[in-house]
PDB file of N, CA and C in Angstrom:
ATOM      1  N   MET A   1      83.070  -1.599 -33.312  1.00  0.00           N
ATOM      2  CA  MET A   1      82.634  -1.124 -32.028  1.00  0.00           C
ATOM      3  C   MET A   1      81.356  -1.863 -31.624  1.00  0.00           C
ATOM      4  N   SER A   2      81.331  -2.310 -30.399  1.00  0.00           N
ATOM      5  CA  SER A   2      80.232  -3.107 -29.885  1.00  0.00           C
ATOM      6  C   SER A   2      79.200  -2.209 -29.215  1.00  0.00           C
ATOM      7  N   LEU A   3      77.961  -2.657 -29.147  1.00  0.00           N
ATOM      8  CA  LEU A   3      76.898  -1.899 -28.492  1.00  0.00           C
ATOM      9  C   LEU A   3      77.075  -1.838 -26.977  1.00  0.00           C
ATOM     10  N   LEU A   4      77.715  -2.811 -26.388  1.00  0.00           N
ATOM     11  CA  LEU A   4      77.893  -2.867 -24.948  1.00  0.00           C
ATOM     12  C   LEU A   4      79.096  -2.061 -24.473  1.00  0.00           C
ATOM     13  N   ALA A   5      79.900  -1.623 -25.346  1.00  0.00           N
ATOM     14  CA  ALA A   5      81.092  -0.878 -24.966  1.00  0.00           C
ATOM     15  C   ALA A   5      80.707   0.569 -24.690  1.00  0.00           C
ATOM     16  N   ILE A   6      81.010   1.004 -23.450  1.00  0.00           N
ATOM     17  CA  ILE A   6      80.751   2.390 -23.076  1.00  0.00           C
ATOM     18  C   ILE A   6      82.023   2.964 -22.472  1.00  0.00           C
ATOM     19  N   SER A   7      82.123   4.249 -22.491  1.00  0.00           N
ATOM     20  CA  SER A   7      83.332   4.870 -21.955  1.00  0.00           C
ATOM     21  C   SER A   7      83.267   4.944 -20.437  1.00  0.00           C
ATOM     22  N   THR A   8      84.391   5.229 -19.813  1.00  0.00           N
ATOM     23  CA  THR A   8      84.467   5.324 -18.353  1.00  0.00           C
ATOM     24  C   THR A   8      83.616   6.476 -17.840  1.00  0.00           C
ATOM     25  N   GLY A   9      83.616   7.583 -18.543  1.00  0.00           N
ATOM     26  CA  GLY A   9      82.822   8.748 -18.126  1.00  0.00           C
ATOM     27  C   GLY A   9      81.340   8.439 -18.124  1.00  0.00           C
ATOM     28  N   LEU A  10      80.878   7.730 -19.132  1.00  0.00           N
ATOM     29  CA  LEU A  10      79.472   7.351 -19.172  1.00  0.00           C
ATOM     30  C   LEU A  10      79.126   6.358 -18.060  1.00  0.00           C
ATOM     31  N   ALA A  11      80.042   5.451 -17.749  1.00  0.00           N
ATOM     32  CA  ALA A  11      79.804   4.483 -16.681  1.00  0.00           C
ATOM     33  C   ALA A  11      79.689   5.197 -15.335  1.00  0.00           C
ATOM     34  N   ILE A  12      80.546   6.198 -15.098  1.00  0.00           N
ATOM     35  CA  ILE A  12      80.482   6.969 -13.837  1.00  0.00           C
ATOM     36  C   ILE A  12      79.170   7.738 -13.761  1.00  0.00           C
ATOM     37  N   LEU A  13      78.788   8.360 -14.870  1.00  0.00           N
ATOM     38  CA  LEU A  13      77.512   9.078 -14.888  1.00  0.00           C
ATOM     39  C   LEU A  13      76.330   8.140 -14.657  1.00  0.00           C
ATOM     40  N   ALA A  14      76.393   6.951 -15.187  1.00  0.00           N
ATOM     41  CA  ALA A  14      75.317   5.983 -14.987  1.00  0.00           C
ATOM     42  C   ALA A  14      75.227   5.567 -13.518  1.00  0.00           C
ATOM     43  N   ILE A  15      76.369   5.344 -12.880  1.00  0.00           N
ATOM     44  CA  ILE A  15      76.372   4.966 -11.462  1.00  0.00           C
ATOM     45  C   ILE A  15      75.852   6.119 -10.604  1.00  0.00           C
ATOM     46  N   LEU A  16      76.278   7.358 -10.904  1.00  0.00           N
ATOM     47  CA  LEU A  16      75.778   8.524 -10.168  1.00  0.00           C
ATOM     48  C   LEU A  16      74.265   8.684 -10.355  1.00  0.00           C
ATOM     49  N   GLY A  17      73.788   8.419 -11.557  1.00  0.00           N
ATOM     50  CA  GLY A  17      72.345   8.481 -11.823  1.00  0.00           C
ATOM     51  C   GLY A  17      71.583   7.464 -10.998  1.00  0.00           C
ATOM     52  N   LEU A  18      72.143   6.254 -10.859  1.00  0.00           N
ATOM     53  CA  LEU A  18      71.501   5.224 -10.041  1.00  0.00           C
ATOM     54  C   LEU A  18      71.480   5.632  -8.560  1.00  0.00           C
ATOM     55  N   ILE A  19      72.574   6.233  -8.081  1.00  0.00           N
ATOM     56  CA  ILE A  19      72.627   6.670  -6.679  1.00  0.00           C
ATOM     57  C   ILE A  19      71.610   7.785  -6.425  1.00  0.00           C
ATOM     58  N   VAL A  20      71.555   8.764  -7.327  1.00  0.00           N
ATOM     59  CA  VAL A  20      70.583   9.854  -7.174  1.00  0.00           C
ATOM     60  C   VAL A  20      69.163   9.305  -7.250  1.00  0.00           C
ATOM     61  N   GLY A  21      68.941   8.373  -8.153  1.00  0.00           N
ATOM     62  CA  GLY A  21      67.620   7.747  -8.263  1.00  0.00           C
ATOM     63  C   GLY A  21      67.234   7.023  -6.987  1.00  0.00           C
ATOM     64  N   LEU A  22      68.189   6.351  -6.356  1.00  0.00           N
ATOM     65  CA  LEU A  22      67.925   5.651  -5.102  1.00  0.00           C
ATOM     66  C   LEU A  22      67.579   6.636  -3.986  1.00  0.00           C
ATOM     67  N   VAL A  23      68.301   7.764  -3.921  1.00  0.00           N
ATOM     68  CA  VAL A  23      68.013   8.784  -2.907  1.00  0.00           C
ATOM     69  C   VAL A  23      66.618   9.366  -3.126  1.00  0.00           C
ATOM     70  N   VAL A  24      66.282   9.646  -4.380  1.00  0.00           N
ATOM     71  CA  VAL A  24      64.951  10.182  -4.689  1.00  0.00           C
ATOM     72  C   VAL A  24      63.877   9.165  -4.320  1.00  0.00           C
ATOM     73  N   LEU A  25      64.125   7.903  -4.573  1.00  0.00           N
ATOM     74  CA  LEU A  25      63.160   6.862  -4.224  1.00  0.00           C
ATOM     75  C   LEU A  25      62.933   6.810  -2.713  1.00  0.00           C
ATOM     76  N   VAL A  26      63.995   6.926  -1.929  1.00  0.00           N
ATOM     77  CA  VAL A  26      63.858   6.922  -0.463  1.00  0.00           C
ATOM     78  C   VAL A  26      63.051   8.131   0.000  1.00  0.00           C
ATOM     79  N   VAL A  27      63.326   9.308  -0.581  1.00  0.00           N
ATOM     80  CA  VAL A  27      62.574  10.516  -0.208  1.00  0.00           C
ATOM     81  C   VAL A  27      61.103  10.357  -0.564  1.00  0.00           C
ATOM     82  N   VAL A  28      60.802   9.798  -1.712  1.00  0.00           N
ATOM     83  CA  VAL A  28      59.420   9.589  -2.124  1.00  0.00           C
ATOM     84  C   VAL A  28      58.715   8.617  -1.180  1.00  0.00           C
ATOM     85  N   ILE A  29      59.403   7.565  -0.763  1.00  0.00           N
ATOM     86  CA  ILE A  29      58.807   6.600   0.166  1.00  0.00           C
ATOM     87  C   ILE A  29      58.517   7.261   1.505  1.00  0.00           C
ATOM     88  N   VAL A  30      59.448   8.064   2.008  1.00  0.00           N
ATOM     89  CA  VAL A  30      59.237   8.749   3.294  1.00  0.00           C
ATOM     90  C   VAL A  30      58.052   9.709   3.191  1.00  0.00           C
ATOM     91  N   LEU A  31      57.982  10.487   2.133  1.00  0.00           N
ATOM     92  CA  LEU A  31      56.869  11.418   1.952  1.00  0.00           C
ATOM     93  C   LEU A  31      55.543  10.673   1.786  1.00  0.00           C
ATOM     94  N   PHE A  32      55.568   9.561   1.062  1.00  0.00           N
ATOM     95  CA  PHE A  32      54.352   8.763   0.872  1.00  0.00           C
ATOM     96  C   PHE A  32      53.838   8.221   2.196  1.00  0.00           C
ATOM     97  N   ARG A  33      54.758   7.754   3.051  1.00  0.00           N
ATOM     98  CA  ARG A  33      54.343   7.257   4.370  1.00  0.00           C
ATOM     99  C   ARG A  33      53.801   8.379   5.233  1.00  0.00           C
ATOM    100  N   ALA A  34      54.372   9.587   5.113  1.00  0.00           N
ATOM    101  CA  ALA A  34      53.887  10.730   5.887  1.00  0.00           C
ATOM    102  C   ALA A  34      52.476  11.116   5.458  1.00  0.00           C
ATOM    103  N   VAL A  35      52.152  10.941   4.198  1.00  0.00           N
ATOM    104  CA  VAL A  35      50.809  11.248   3.710  1.00  0.00           C
ATOM    105  C   VAL A  35      49.863  10.084   3.989  1.00  0.00           C
ATOM    106  N   LEU A  36      50.359   8.892   3.916  1.00  0.00           N
ATOM    107  CA  LEU A  36      49.505   7.716   4.048  1.00  0.00           C
ATOM    108  C   LEU A  36      49.024   7.493   5.475  1.00  0.00           C
ATOM    109  N   SER A  37      49.827   7.806   6.487  1.00  0.00           N
ATOM    110  CA  SER A  37      49.405   7.540   7.869  1.00  0.00           C
ATOM    111  C   SER A  37      48.170   8.363   8.271  1.00  0.00           C
ATOM    112  N   PRO A  38      48.056   9.669   7.948  1.00  0.00           N
ATOM    113  CA  PRO A  38      46.798  10.362   8.260  1.00  0.00           C
ATOM    114  C   PRO A  38      45.615   9.815   7.461  1.00  0.00           C
ATOM    115  N   VAL A  39      45.856   9.386   6.230  1.00  0.00           N
ATOM    116  CA  VAL A  39      44.776   8.836   5.419  1.00  0.00           C
ATOM    117  C   VAL A  39      44.244   7.551   6.045  1.00  0.00           C
ATOM    118  N   VAL A  40      45.129   6.726   6.549  1.00  0.00           N
ATOM    119  CA  VAL A  40      44.719   5.477   7.205  1.00  0.00           C
ATOM    120  C   VAL A  40      43.930   5.794   8.472  1.00  0.00           C
ATOM    121  N   GLU A  41      44.376   6.796   9.241  1.00  0.00           N
ATOM    122  CA  GLU A  41      43.659   7.168  10.460  1.00  0.00           C
ATOM    123  C   GLU A  41      42.276   7.717  10.134  1.00  0.00           C
ATOM    124  N   ILE A  42      42.159   8.516   9.090  1.00  0.00           N
ATOM    125  CA  ILE A  42      40.850   9.043   8.681  1.00  0.00           C
ATOM    126  C   ILE A  42      39.941   7.905   8.246  1.00  0.00           C
ATOM    127  N   ALA A  43      40.472   6.950   7.512  1.00  0.00           N
ATOM    128  CA  ALA A  43      39.670   5.804   7.083  1.00  0.00           C
ATOM    129  C   ALA A  43      39.203   4.989   8.288  1.00  0.00           C
ATOM    130  N   ARG A  44      40.083   4.823   9.287  1.00  0.00           N
ATOM    131  CA  ARG A  44      39.699   4.081  10.494  1.00  0.00           C
ATOM    132  C   ARG A  44      38.589   4.822  11.235  1.00  0.00           C
ATOM    133  N   ASN A  45      38.720   6.142  11.354  1.00  0.00           N
ATOM    134  CA  ASN A  45      37.685   6.923  12.025  1.00  0.00           C
ATOM    135  C   ASN A  45      36.377   6.886  11.251  1.00  0.00           C
ATOM    136  N   ALA A  46      36.447   6.853   9.932  1.00  0.00           N
ATOM    137  CA  ALA A  46      35.234   6.781   9.123  1.00  0.00           C
ATOM    138  C   ALA A  46      34.541   5.438   9.307  1.00  0.00           C
ATOM    139  N   ARG A  47      35.323   4.377   9.488  1.00  0.00           N
ATOM    140  CA  ARG A  47      34.716   3.069   9.736  1.00  0.00           C
ATOM    141  C   ARG A  47      34.045   3.019  11.109  1.00  0.00           C
ATOM    142  N   GLU A  48      34.612   3.743  12.096  1.00  0.00           N
ATOM    143  CA  GLU A  48      34.042   3.740  13.446  1.00  0.00           C
ATOM    144  C   GLU A  48      32.873   4.709  13.597  1.00  0.00           C
ATOM    145  N   ALA A  49      32.670   5.600  12.656  1.00  0.00           N
ATOM    146  CA  ALA A  49      31.631   6.630  12.771  1.00  0.00           C
ATOM    147  C   ALA A  49      30.229   6.055  12.965  1.00  0.00           C
ATOM    148  N   PRO A  50      29.820   5.027  12.233  1.00  0.00           N
ATOM    149  CA  PRO A  50      28.471   4.497  12.463  1.00  0.00           C
ATOM    150  C   PRO A  50      28.279   3.945  13.876  1.00  0.00           C
ATOM    151  N   GLU A  51      29.339   3.446  14.491  1.00  0.00           N
ATOM    152  CA  GLU A  51      29.222   2.927  15.851  1.00  0.00           C
ATOM    153  C   GLU A  51      29.064   4.051  16.873  1.00  0.00           C
ATOM    154  N   VAL A  52      29.674   5.199  16.599  1.00  0.00           N
ATOM    155  CA  VAL A  52      29.677   6.316  17.539  1.00  0.00           C
ATOM    156  C   VAL A  52      28.475   7.229  17.327  1.00  0.00           C
ATOM    157  N   ALA A  53      27.894   7.221  16.143  1.00  0.00           N
ATOM    158  CA  ALA A  53      26.816   8.156  15.795  1.00  0.00           C
ATOM    159  C   ALA A  53      25.630   8.116  16.766  1.00  0.00           C
ATOM    160  N   PRO A  54      25.184   6.968  17.232  1.00  0.00           N
ATOM    161  CA  PRO A  54      24.048   6.994  18.171  1.00  0.00           C
ATOM    162  C   PRO A  54      24.343   7.761  19.455  1.00  0.00           C
ATOM    163  N   PHE A  55      25.587   7.743  19.905  1.00  0.00           N
ATOM    164  CA  PHE A  55      25.930   8.468  21.123  1.00  0.00           C
ATOM    165  C   PHE A  55      25.900   9.979  20.892  1.00  0.00           C
ATOM    166  N   LEU A  56      26.214  10.399  19.676  1.00  0.00           N
ATOM    167  CA  LEU A  56      26.272  11.824  19.380  1.00  0.00           C
ATOM    168  C   LEU A  56      24.896  12.418  19.092  1.00  0.00           C
ATOM    169  N   THR A  57      23.921  11.592  18.729  1.00  0.00           N
ATOM    170  CA  THR A  57      22.597  12.126  18.437  1.00  0.00           C
ATOM    171  C   THR A  57      21.916  12.642  19.687  1.00  0.00           C
ATOM    172  N   ASN A  58      22.214  12.049  20.834  1.00  0.00           N
ATOM    173  CA  ASN A  58      21.616  12.512  22.084  1.00  0.00           C
ATOM    174  C   ASN A  58      22.297  13.755  22.614  1.00  0.00           C
ATOM    175  N   GLY A  59      23.413  14.122  22.060  1.00  0.00           N
ATOM    176  CA  GLY A  59      24.155  15.284  22.534  1.00  0.00           C
ATOM    177  C   GLY A  59      25.129  14.887  23.629  1.00  0.00           C
ATOM    178  N   VAL A  60      25.930  15.832  24.001  1.00  0.00           N
ATOM    179  CA  VAL A  60      26.931  15.596  25.027  1.00  0.00           C
ATOM    180  C   VAL A  60      26.316  15.931  26.377  1.00  0.00           C
ATOM    181  N   ARG A  61      26.472  15.022  27.331  1.00  0.00           N
ATOM    182  CA  ARG A  61      25.913  15.262  28.655  1.00  0.00           C
ATOM    183  C   ARG A  61      26.653  16.392  29.340  1.00  0.00           C
ATOM    184  N   GLY A  62      25.938  17.184  30.110  1.00  0.00           N
ATOM    185  CA  GLY A  62      26.554  18.234  30.901  1.00  0.00           C
ATOM    186  C   GLY A  62      26.573  19.592  30.230  1.00  0.00           C
ATOM    187  N   VAL A  63      26.086  19.685  29.002  1.00  0.00           N
ATOM    188  CA  VAL A  63      26.128  20.968  28.309  1.00  0.00           C
ATOM    189  C   VAL A  63      25.192  21.969  28.981  1.00  0.00           C
ATOM    190  N   ASP A  64      24.031  21.502  29.413  1.00  0.00           N
ATOM    191  CA  ASP A  64      23.091  22.412  30.080  1.00  0.00           C
ATOM    192  C   ASP A  64      23.681  22.946  31.374  1.00  0.00           C
ATOM    193  N   GLU A  65      24.359  22.084  32.125  1.00  0.00           N
ATOM    194  CA  GLU A  65      24.989  22.536  33.357  1.00  0.00           C
ATOM    195  C   GLU A  65      26.100  23.539  33.068  1.00  0.00           C
ATOM    196  N   LEU A  66      26.857  23.308  32.005  1.00  0.00           N
ATOM    197  CA  LEU A  66      27.911  24.255  31.637  1.00  0.00           C
ATOM    198  C   LEU A  66      27.322  25.604  31.227  1.00  0.00           C
ATOM    199  N   ARG A  67      26.207  25.574  30.521  1.00  0.00           N
ATOM    200  CA  ARG A  67      25.560  26.824  30.124  1.00  0.00           C
ATOM    201  C   ARG A  67      25.080  27.587  31.357  1.00  0.00           C
ATOM    202  N   ARG A  68      24.495  26.881  32.313  1.00  0.00           N
ATOM    203  CA  ARG A  68      24.028  27.522  33.555  1.00  0.00           C
ATOM    204  C   ARG A  68      25.215  28.093  34.335  1.00  0.00           C
ATOM    205  N   THR A  69      26.311  27.360  34.385  1.00  0.00           N
ATOM    206  CA  THR A  69      27.504  27.846  35.083  1.00  0.00           C
ATOM    207  C   THR A  69      28.048  29.101  34.404  1.00  0.00           C
ATOM    208  N   ARG A  70      28.075  29.105  33.078  1.00  0.00           N
ATOM    209  CA  ARG A  70      28.539  30.288  32.359  1.00  0.00           C
ATOM    210  C   ARG A  70      27.643  31.489  32.649  1.00  0.00           C
ATOM    211  N   ASP A  71      26.328  31.271  32.668  1.00  0.00           N
ATOM    212  CA  ASP A  71      25.409  32.380  32.956  1.00  0.00           C
ATOM    213  C   ASP A  71      25.624  32.921  34.363  1.00  0.00           C
ATOM    214  N   LEU A  72      25.832  32.028  35.321  1.00  0.00           N
ATOM    215  CA  LEU A  72      26.072  32.469  36.698  1.00  0.00           C
ATOM    216  C   LEU A  72      27.398  33.226  36.800  1.00  0.00           C
ATOM    217  N   CYS A  73      28.416  32.753  36.097  1.00  0.00           N
ATOM    218  CA  CYS A  73      29.718  33.437  36.129  1.00  0.00           C
ATOM    219  C   CYS A  73      29.636  34.816  35.492  1.00  0.00           C
ATOM    220  N   ASN A  74      28.813  34.956  34.478  1.00  0.00           N
ATOM    221  CA  ASN A  74      28.662  36.263  33.840  1.00  0.00           C
ATOM    222  C   ASN A  74      27.928  37.254  34.745  1.00  0.00           C
ATOM    223  N   GLN A  75      27.183  36.764  35.718  1.00  0.00           N
ATOM    224  CA  GLN A  75      26.468  37.639  36.646  1.00  0.00           C
ATOM    225  C   GLN A  75      27.365  38.136  37.774  1.00  0.00           C
ATOM    226  N   VAL A  76      28.489  37.502  38.017  1.00  0.00           N
ATOM    227  CA  VAL A  76      29.332  37.846  39.154  1.00  0.00           C
ATOM    228  C   VAL A  76      29.977  39.231  39.027  1.00  0.00           C
ATOM    229  N   PRO A  77      30.617  39.610  37.918  1.00  0.00           N
ATOM    230  CA  PRO A  77      31.292  40.919  37.879  1.00  0.00           C
ATOM    231  C   PRO A  77      30.383  42.113  38.175  1.00  0.00           C
ATOM    232  N   PRO A  78      29.181  42.212  37.591  1.00  0.00           N
ATOM    233  CA  PRO A  78      28.348  43.363  37.950  1.00  0.00           C
ATOM    234  C   PRO A  78      27.950  43.366  39.427  1.00  0.00           C
ATOM    235  N   LEU A  79      27.684  42.184  39.972  1.00  0.00           N
ATOM    236  CA  LEU A  79      27.318  42.118  41.389  1.00  0.00           C
ATOM    237  C   LEU A  79      28.503  42.502  42.274  1.00  0.00           C
ATOM    238  N   ALA A  80      29.695  42.075  41.897  1.00  0.00           N
ATOM    239  CA  ALA A  80      30.881  42.425  42.684  1.00  0.00           C
ATOM    240  C   ALA A  80      31.138  43.927  42.623  1.00  0.00           C
ATOM    241  N   LEU A  81      30.972  44.526  41.453  1.00  0.00           N
ATOM    242  CA  LEU A  81      31.158  45.980  41.342  1.00  0.00           C
ATOM    243  C   LEU A  81      30.123  46.732  42.174  1.00  0.00           C
ATOM    244  N   ALA A  82      28.881  46.269  42.146  1.00  0.00           N
ATOM    245  CA  ALA A  82      27.848  46.918  42.956  1.00  0.00           C
ATOM    246  C   ALA A  82      28.180  46.791  44.440  1.00  0.00           C
ATOM    247  N   TYR A  83      28.687  45.651  44.853  1.00  0.00           N
ATOM    248  CA  TYR A  83      29.045  45.446  46.252  1.00  0.00           C
ATOM    249  C   TYR A  83      30.204  46.366  46.645  1.00  0.00           C
ATOM    250  N   LEU A  84      31.222  46.482  45.773  1.00  0.00           N
ATOM    251  CA  LEU A  84      32.341  47.373  46.073  1.00  0.00           C
ATOM    252  C   LEU A  84      31.891  48.826  46.162  1.00  0.00           C
ATOM    253  N   GLU A  85      30.996  49.250  45.281  1.00  0.00           N
ATOM    254  CA  GLU A  85      30.475  50.613  45.353  1.00  0.00           C
ATOM    255  C   GLU A  85      29.721  50.841  46.651  1.00  0.00           C
ATOM    256  N   LYS A  86      28.993  49.822  47.108  1.00  0.00           N
ATOM    257  CA  LYS A  86      28.233  49.931  48.348  1.00  0.00           C
ATOM    258  C   LYS A  86      29.186  50.043  49.543  1.00  0.00           C
ATOM    259  N   ILE A  87      30.270  49.284  49.511  1.00  0.00           N
ATOM    260  CA  ILE A  87      31.248  49.345  50.607  1.00  0.00           C
ATOM    261  C   ILE A  87      31.931  50.713  50.616  1.00  0.00           C
ATOM    262  N   GLN A  88      32.297  51.216  49.453  1.00  0.00           N
ATOM    263  CA  GLN A  88      32.960  52.515  49.388  1.00  0.00           C
ATOM    264  C   GLN A  88      32.030  53.640  49.835  1.00  0.00           C
ATOM    265  N   ALA A  89      30.743  53.481  49.628  1.00  0.00           N
ATOM    266  CA  ALA A  89      29.782  54.494  50.042  1.00  0.00           C
ATOM    267  C   ALA A  89      29.502  54.419  51.537  1.00  0.00           C
ATOM    268  N   GLY A  90      30.001  53.425  52.216  1.00  0.00           N
ATOM    269  CA  GLY A  90      29.811  53.293  53.655  1.00  0.00           C
ATOM    270  C   GLY A  90      28.626  52.430  54.026  1.00  0.00           C
ATOM    271  N   GLY A  91      28.014  51.804  53.102  1.00  0.00           N
ATOM    272  CA  GLY A  91      26.857  50.965  53.399  1.00  0.00           C
ATOM    273  C   GLY A  91      27.200  49.506  53.395  1.00  0.00           C
ATOM    274  N   GLY A  92      28.417  49.168  53.746  1.00  0.00           N
ATOM    275  CA  GLY A  92      28.851  47.780  53.716  1.00  0.00           C
ATOM    276  C   GLY A  92      28.281  46.986  54.865  1.00  0.00           C
ATOM    277  N   PRO A  93      28.681  45.791  55.008  1.00  0.00           N
ATOM    278  CA  PRO A  93      28.169  44.942  56.083  1.00  0.00           C
ATOM    279  C   PRO A  93      28.657  45.451  57.425  1.00  0.00           C
ATOM    280  N   PRO A  94      27.907  45.164  58.494  1.00  0.00           N
ATOM    281  CA  PRO A  94      28.336  45.607  59.823  1.00  0.00           C
ATOM    282  C   PRO A  94      29.613  44.887  60.218  1.00  0.00           C
ATOM    283  N   PRO A  95      30.436  45.517  61.072  1.00  0.00           N
ATOM    284  CA  PRO A  95      31.656  44.831  61.499  1.00  0.00           C
ATOM    285  C   PRO A  95      31.298  43.542  62.231  1.00  0.00           C
ATOM    286  N   ALA A  96      32.063  42.534  62.002  1.00  0.00           N
ATOM    287  CA  ALA A  96      31.792  41.225  62.599  1.00  0.00           C
ATOM    288  C   ALA A  96      32.026  41.296  64.097  1.00  0.00           C
ATOM    289  N   ALA A  97      31.115  40.673  64.837  1.00  0.00           N
ATOM    290  CA  ALA A  97      31.264  40.611  66.291  1.00  0.00           C
ATOM    291  C   ALA A  97      32.408  39.676  66.617  1.00  0.00           C
ATOM    292  N   ARG A  98      33.151  40.031  67.621  1.00  0.00           N
ATOM    293  CA  ARG A  98      34.281  39.213  68.006  1.00  0.00           C
ATOM    294  C   ARG A  98      33.771  37.919  68.633  1.00  0.00           C
ATOM    295  N   ALA A  99      34.271  36.836  68.139  1.00  0.00           N
ATOM    296  CA  ALA A  99      33.852  35.534  68.644  1.00  0.00           C
ATOM    297  C   ALA A  99      34.466  35.308  70.015  1.00  0.00           C
ATOM    298  N   PRO A 100      33.712  34.654  70.912  1.00  0.00           N
ATOM    299  CA  PRO A 100      34.272  34.380  72.233  1.00  0.00           C
ATOM    300  C   PRO A 100      35.427  33.397  72.137  1.00  0.00           C
ATOM    301  N   GLY A 101      36.352  33.545  73.016  1.00  0.00           N
ATOM    302  CA  GLY A 101      37.488  32.638  73.032  1.00  0.00           C
ATOM    303  C   GLY A 101      38.779  33.407  72.950  1.00  0.00           C
ATOM    304  N   PRO A 102      39.889  32.704  72.940  1.00  0.00           N
ATOM    305  CA  PRO A 102      41.187  33.379  72.929  1.00  0.00           C
ATOM    306  C   PRO A 102      41.418  34.084  71.592  1.00  0.00           C
ATOM    307  N   GLY A 103      42.059  35.224  71.662  1.00  0.00           N
ATOM    308  CA  GLY A 103      42.397  35.976  70.463  1.00  0.00           C
ATOM    309  C   GLY A 103      43.667  35.418  69.837  1.00  0.00           C
ATOM    310  N   PRO A 104      44.074  35.959  68.710  1.00  0.00           N
ATOM    311  CA  PRO A 104      45.263  35.430  68.048  1.00  0.00           C
ATOM    312  C   PRO A 104      46.536  35.666  68.847  1.00  0.00           C
ATOM    313  N   GLU A 105      46.542  36.664  69.764  1.00  0.00           N
ATOM    314  CA  GLU A 105      47.748  36.936  70.542  1.00  0.00           C
ATOM    315  C   GLU A 105      47.806  36.082  71.814  1.00  0.00           C
ATOM    316  N   SER A 106      46.733  35.417  72.136  1.00  0.00           N
ATOM    317  CA  SER A 106      46.645  34.645  73.375  1.00  0.00           C
ATOM    318  C   SER A 106      47.549  33.419  73.309  1.00  0.00           C
ATOM    319  N   PRO A 107      48.104  33.023  74.474  1.00  0.00           N
ATOM    320  CA  PRO A 107      48.914  31.796  74.475  1.00  0.00           C
ATOM    321  C   PRO A 107      48.077  30.555  74.194  1.00  0.00           C
ATOM    322  N   GLN A 108      46.775  30.682  74.349  1.00  0.00           N
ATOM    323  CA  GLN A 108      45.889  29.539  74.107  1.00  0.00           C
ATOM    324  C   GLN A 108      45.509  29.407  72.627  1.00  0.00           C
ATOM    325  N   ALA A 109      45.898  30.376  71.800  1.00  0.00           N
ATOM    326  CA  ALA A 109      45.522  30.354  70.390  1.00  0.00           C
ATOM    327  C   ALA A 109      46.117  29.125  69.708  1.00  0.00           C
ATOM    328  N   GLY A 110      45.315  28.442  68.944  1.00  0.00           N
ATOM    329  CA  GLY A 110      45.770  27.282  68.178  1.00  0.00           C
ATOM    330  C   GLY A 110      45.663  25.984  68.946  1.00  0.00           C
ATOM    331  N   ARG A 111      45.333  26.014  70.221  1.00  0.00           N
ATOM    332  CA  ARG A 111      45.185  24.761  70.984  1.00  0.00           C
ATOM    333  C   ARG A 111      43.767  24.232  70.853  1.00  0.00           C
ATOM    334  N   ILE A 112      43.660  22.962  70.895  1.00  0.00           N
ATOM    335  CA  ILE A 112      42.354  22.337  70.868  1.00  0.00           C
ATOM    336  C   ILE A 112      41.855  22.264  72.299  1.00  0.00           C
ATOM    337  N   SER A 113      40.587  22.534  72.449  1.00  0.00           N
ATOM    338  CA  SER A 113      39.996  22.546  73.788  1.00  0.00           C
ATOM    339  C   SER A 113      40.187  21.175  74.448  1.00  0.00           C
ATOM    340  N   GLY A 114      40.765  21.176  75.621  1.00  0.00           N
ATOM    341  CA  GLY A 114      40.961  19.933  76.368  1.00  0.00           C
ATOM    342  C   GLY A 114      42.171  19.160  75.924  1.00  0.00           C
ATOM    343  N   GLY A 115      42.915  19.625  74.970  1.00  0.00           N
ATOM    344  CA  GLY A 115      44.079  18.899  74.485  1.00  0.00           C
ATOM    345  C   GLY A 115      45.333  19.261  75.260  1.00  0.00           C
ATOM    346  N   LYS A 116      46.358  18.464  75.112  1.00  0.00           N
ATOM    347  CA  LYS A 116      47.624  18.733  75.759  1.00  0.00           C
ATOM    348  C   LYS A 116      48.484  19.575  74.826  1.00  0.00           C
ATOM    349  N   PRO A 117      49.355  20.440  75.387  1.00  0.00           N
ATOM    350  CA  PRO A 117      50.213  21.262  74.534  1.00  0.00           C
ATOM    351  C   PRO A 117      51.237  20.455  73.780  1.00  0.00           C
TER     352      PRO A 117
END
């Protein structure tokens, strides 16, 4: 009996083992690429960090304006509630005087002065 002689069953098992090994290798390569791409991006960002750092030391422009806007927006609800309470109590603004000119029911409503119909 020779060392190179193998049975048919062993040959089939060897071929199946090679196929499974190839599938596992493909899965490992796909997973490795999925892990490697974020690592490469992080490394690229780390290389760019010294270039960007001077811009970040001064802070982001517009933050003070945003803070002022937030403070003003936070003041609106209490003022609106106070205004509504004042209107409900009957101390609201005086009724608006009717502006001179045609009313909404007038045939002249919507025309520009001196214009053609």
